[in-house]
Amino acid sequence: MKRSSLILALICILATLPLAFCSCGECEHVWDRGYTAKEPTTEEKGYYIYTCVDCGEMKSEEIPKLSHIEHTYSKLIWGGDADFHWFICDYDDCNVTTNKKEHTWVERIGGGMICQVCRREQ
């Protein structure tokens, strides 16, 4: 009987142990590593989410917008309109273009015209 009382007392002490880390009912938070809830882009900020390992409260932290110093065009994605074509910057949210030139129209087999550079049809 004495042993079970001791075990019960130990369980009660351990159950109240997390309260020792709290003052006035507010936890002194111990945050986990967090995770990226939203990736930043060049147009929008992202954010991390952290969770307190003691009480489960969550907080968020902003991740600044991405910025790129140098525009790259390695994907060689063509943009264009009725008169010109150009390369679009590799960054999804970037509207910077380069190499803007007039279409070079040639006759297509079967009729119509096609730009021999960007393959736009007319």
C-alpha atoms as a PDB file:
ATOM      1  CA  MET A   1       0.000   0.000   0.000  1.00  0.00           C
ATOM      2  CA  LYS A   2       2.825   2.356   0.819  1.00  0.00           C
ATOM      3  CA  ARG A   3       4.468   1.732  -2.548  1.00  0.00           C
ATOM      4  CA  SER A   4       1.307   2.596  -4.514  1.00  0.00           C
ATOM      5  CA  SER A   5       0.891   5.820  -2.512  1.00  0.00           C
ATOM      6  CA  LEU A   6       4.463   6.762  -3.322  1.00  0.00           C
ATOM      7  CA  ILE A   7       3.879   6.063  -7.031  1.00  0.00           C
ATOM      8  CA  LEU A   8       0.654   8.088  -6.967  1.00  0.00           C
ATOM      9  CA  ALA A   9       2.461  10.993  -5.283  1.00  0.00           C
ATOM     10  CA  LEU A  10       5.242  10.814  -7.888  1.00  0.00           C
ATOM     11  CA  ILE A  11       2.703  10.835 -10.724  1.00  0.00           C
ATOM     12  CA  CYS A  12       1.011  13.910  -9.222  1.00  0.00           C
ATOM     13  CA  ILE A  13       4.343  15.716  -8.926  1.00  0.00           C
ATOM     14  CA  LEU A  14       5.318  14.869 -12.504  1.00  0.00           C
ATOM     15  CA  ALA A  15       1.887  15.923 -13.774  1.00  0.00           C
ATOM     16  CA  THR A  16       2.287  19.384 -12.246  1.00  0.00           C
ATOM     17  CA  LEU A  17       5.910  19.786 -13.323  1.00  0.00           C
ATOM     18  CA  PRO A  18       5.118  21.762 -16.503  1.00  0.00           C
ATOM     19  CA  LEU A  19       3.354  24.316 -14.305  1.00  0.00           C
ATOM     20  CA  ALA A  20       6.722  25.097 -12.764  1.00  0.00           C
ATOM     21  CA  PHE A  21       7.696  26.687 -16.088  1.00  0.00           C
ATOM     22  CA  CYS A  22       4.704  28.989 -16.099  1.00  0.00           C
ATOM     23  CA  SER A  23       4.256  32.280 -14.305  1.00  0.00           C
ATOM     24  CA  CYS A  24       0.767  33.691 -13.800  1.00  0.00           C
ATOM     25  CA  GLY A  25      -0.606  31.039 -16.168  1.00  0.00           C
ATOM     26  CA  GLU A  26       1.605  32.105 -19.076  1.00  0.00           C
ATOM     27  CA  CYS A  27       4.203  29.659 -20.292  1.00  0.00           C
ATOM     28  CA  GLU A  28       7.834  30.656 -20.762  1.00  0.00           C
ATOM     29  CA  HIS A  29       7.762  29.295 -24.282  1.00  0.00           C
ATOM     30  CA  VAL A  30      10.276  26.858 -25.652  1.00  0.00           C
ATOM     31  CA  TRP A  31       9.812  26.992 -29.439  1.00  0.00           C
ATOM     32  CA  ASP A  32      10.420  24.076 -31.774  1.00  0.00           C
ATOM     33  CA  ARG A  33      12.441  24.461 -34.998  1.00  0.00           C
ATOM     34  CA  GLY A  34       9.348  25.552 -36.878  1.00  0.00           C
ATOM     35  CA  TYR A  35       8.421  24.937 -40.462  1.00  0.00           C
ATOM     36  CA  THR A  36       7.898  27.038 -43.563  1.00  0.00           C
ATOM     37  CA  ALA A  37       4.141  27.505 -43.914  1.00  0.00           C
ATOM     38  CA  LYS A  38       4.426  29.753 -46.981  1.00  0.00           C
ATOM     39  CA  GLU A  39       7.470  30.149 -49.198  1.00  0.00           C
ATOM     40  CA  PRO A  40       8.356  33.752 -50.030  1.00  0.00           C
ATOM     41  CA  THR A  41       8.375  34.954 -53.613  1.00  0.00           C
ATOM     42  CA  THR A  42       9.651  38.146 -55.187  1.00  0.00           C
ATOM     43  CA  GLU A  43       6.085  39.527 -54.866  1.00  0.00           C
ATOM     44  CA  GLU A  44       4.942  38.243 -51.432  1.00  0.00           C
ATOM     45  CA  LYS A  45       6.435  37.575 -48.021  1.00  0.00           C
ATOM     46  CA  GLY A  46       6.407  34.051 -46.626  1.00  0.00           C
ATOM     47  CA  TYR A  47       6.252  32.888 -43.033  1.00  0.00           C
ATOM     48  CA  TYR A  48       7.418  30.237 -40.576  1.00  0.00           C
ATOM     49  CA  ILE A  49       5.206  28.644 -37.906  1.00  0.00           C
ATOM     50  CA  TYR A  50       6.682  27.741 -34.509  1.00  0.00           C
ATOM     51  CA  THR A  51       5.005  25.697 -31.771  1.00  0.00           C
ATOM     52  CA  CYS A  52       5.814  25.808 -28.059  1.00  0.00           C
ATOM     53  CA  VAL A  53       6.918  22.324 -26.978  1.00  0.00           C
ATOM     54  CA  ASP A  54       5.417  22.863 -23.498  1.00  0.00           C
ATOM     55  CA  CYS A  55       1.948  24.324 -24.122  1.00  0.00           C
ATOM     56  CA  GLY A  56       1.315  23.971 -27.871  1.00  0.00           C
ATOM     57  CA  GLU A  57       0.873  27.714 -28.497  1.00  0.00           C
ATOM     58  CA  MET A  58       1.870  28.743 -32.009  1.00  0.00           C
ATOM     59  CA  LYS A  59       3.520  31.842 -33.405  1.00  0.00           C
ATOM     60  CA  SER A  60       4.453  32.959 -36.894  1.00  0.00           C
ATOM     61  CA  GLU A  61       7.485  34.808 -38.176  1.00  0.00           C
ATOM     62  CA  GLU A  62       7.700  36.635 -41.496  1.00  0.00           C
ATOM     63  CA  ILE A  63      10.145  35.644 -44.189  1.00  0.00           C
ATOM     64  CA  PRO A  64      11.057  38.657 -46.337  1.00  0.00           C
ATOM     65  CA  LYS A  65      10.245  38.772 -50.034  1.00  0.00           C
ATOM     66  CA  LEU A  66      12.868  37.254 -52.273  1.00  0.00           C
ATOM     67  CA  SER A  67      14.981  39.633 -54.217  1.00  0.00           C
ATOM     68  CA  HIS A  68      17.308  38.830 -56.999  1.00  0.00           C
ATOM     69  CA  ILE A  69      20.133  41.088 -57.952  1.00  0.00           C
ATOM     70  CA  GLU A  70      20.750  39.628 -61.366  1.00  0.00           C
ATOM     71  CA  HIS A  71      18.028  38.502 -63.733  1.00  0.00           C
ATOM     72  CA  THR A  72      18.651  35.140 -65.344  1.00  0.00           C
ATOM     73  CA  TYR A  73      17.131  33.760 -68.505  1.00  0.00           C
ATOM     74  CA  SER A  74      18.369  30.167 -68.430  1.00  0.00           C
ATOM     75  CA  LYS A  75      14.876  28.701 -68.968  1.00  0.00           C
ATOM     76  CA  LEU A  76      14.694  30.587 -72.278  1.00  0.00           C
ATOM     77  CA  ILE A  77      10.972  31.157 -71.916  1.00  0.00           C
ATOM     78  CA  TRP A  78       9.556  33.240 -74.748  1.00  0.00           C
ATOM     79  CA  GLY A  79       7.114  36.013 -74.110  1.00  0.00           C
ATOM     80  CA  GLY A  80       5.675  38.101 -76.832  1.00  0.00           C
ATOM     81  CA  ASP A  81       2.884  39.983 -78.499  1.00  0.00           C
ATOM     82  CA  ALA A  82       1.763  40.421 -82.102  1.00  0.00           C
ATOM     83  CA  ASP A  83       4.876  42.404 -83.070  1.00  0.00           C
ATOM     84  CA  PHE A  84       7.756  41.358 -80.758  1.00  0.00           C
ATOM     85  CA  HIS A  85       9.177  38.429 -78.804  1.00  0.00           C
ATOM     86  CA  TRP A  86      11.487  38.445 -75.754  1.00  0.00           C
ATOM     87  CA  PHE A  87      12.908  36.255 -72.999  1.00  0.00           C
ATOM     88  CA  ILE A  88      11.203  36.286 -69.599  1.00  0.00           C
ATOM     89  CA  CYS A  89      13.297  36.305 -66.389  1.00  0.00           C
ATOM     90  CA  ASP A  90      13.554  32.849 -64.738  1.00  0.00           C
ATOM     91  CA  TYR A  91      11.999  34.120 -61.503  1.00  0.00           C
ATOM     92  CA  ASP A  92       8.260  33.363 -61.539  1.00  0.00           C
ATOM     93  CA  ASP A  93       7.151  36.687 -60.063  1.00  0.00           C
ATOM     94  CA  CYS A  94       9.528  38.846 -62.093  1.00  0.00           C
ATOM     95  CA  ASN A  95       8.255  40.793 -65.085  1.00  0.00           C
ATOM     96  CA  VAL A  96      11.671  41.830 -66.409  1.00  0.00           C
ATOM     97  CA  THR A  97      12.396  40.812 -69.987  1.00  0.00           C
ATOM     98  CA  THR A  98      15.374  40.916 -72.324  1.00  0.00           C
ATOM     99  CA  ASN A  99      16.281  40.483 -75.961  1.00  0.00           C
ATOM    100  CA  LYS A 100      13.127  42.133 -77.314  1.00  0.00           C
ATOM    101  CA  LYS A 101      13.086  41.831 -81.106  1.00  0.00           C
ATOM    102  CA  GLU A 102      10.601  41.914 -83.936  1.00  0.00           C
ATOM    103  CA  HIS A 103       9.240  38.586 -85.122  1.00  0.00           C
ATOM    104  CA  THR A 104      10.941  37.020 -88.106  1.00  0.00           C
ATOM    105  CA  TRP A 105       7.944  35.728 -90.066  1.00  0.00           C
ATOM    106  CA  VAL A 106       8.245  32.882 -92.534  1.00  0.00           C
ATOM    107  CA  GLU A 107       5.585  30.973 -94.430  1.00  0.00           C
ATOM    108  CA  ARG A 108       4.410  27.809 -92.770  1.00  0.00           C
ATOM    109  CA  ILE A 109       3.883  24.623 -94.725  1.00  0.00           C
ATOM    110  CA  GLY A 110       0.151  24.339 -95.131  1.00  0.00           C
ATOM    111  CA  GLY A 111      -0.418  28.095 -94.954  1.00  0.00           C
ATOM    112  CA  GLY A 112      -0.082  30.869 -92.436  1.00  0.00           C
ATOM    113  CA  MET A 113       2.988  32.490 -90.959  1.00  0.00           C
ATOM    114  CA  ILE A 114       5.239  31.477 -88.076  1.00  0.00           C
ATOM    115  CA  CYS A 115       8.082  33.319 -86.326  1.00  0.00           C
ATOM    116  CA  GLN A 116      11.213  31.304 -86.995  1.00  0.00           C
ATOM    117  CA  VAL A 117      12.659  32.421 -83.629  1.00  0.00           C
ATOM    118  CA  CYS A 118       9.883  32.033 -81.028  1.00  0.00           C
ATOM    119  CA  ARG A 119       7.481  29.828 -83.059  1.00  0.00           C
ATOM    120  CA  ARG A 120       4.522  32.200 -82.606  1.00  0.00           C
ATOM    121  CA  GLU A 121       1.904  31.642 -85.267  1.00  0.00           C
ATOM    122  CA  GLN A 122       0.065  34.346 -87.205  1.00  0.00           C
END
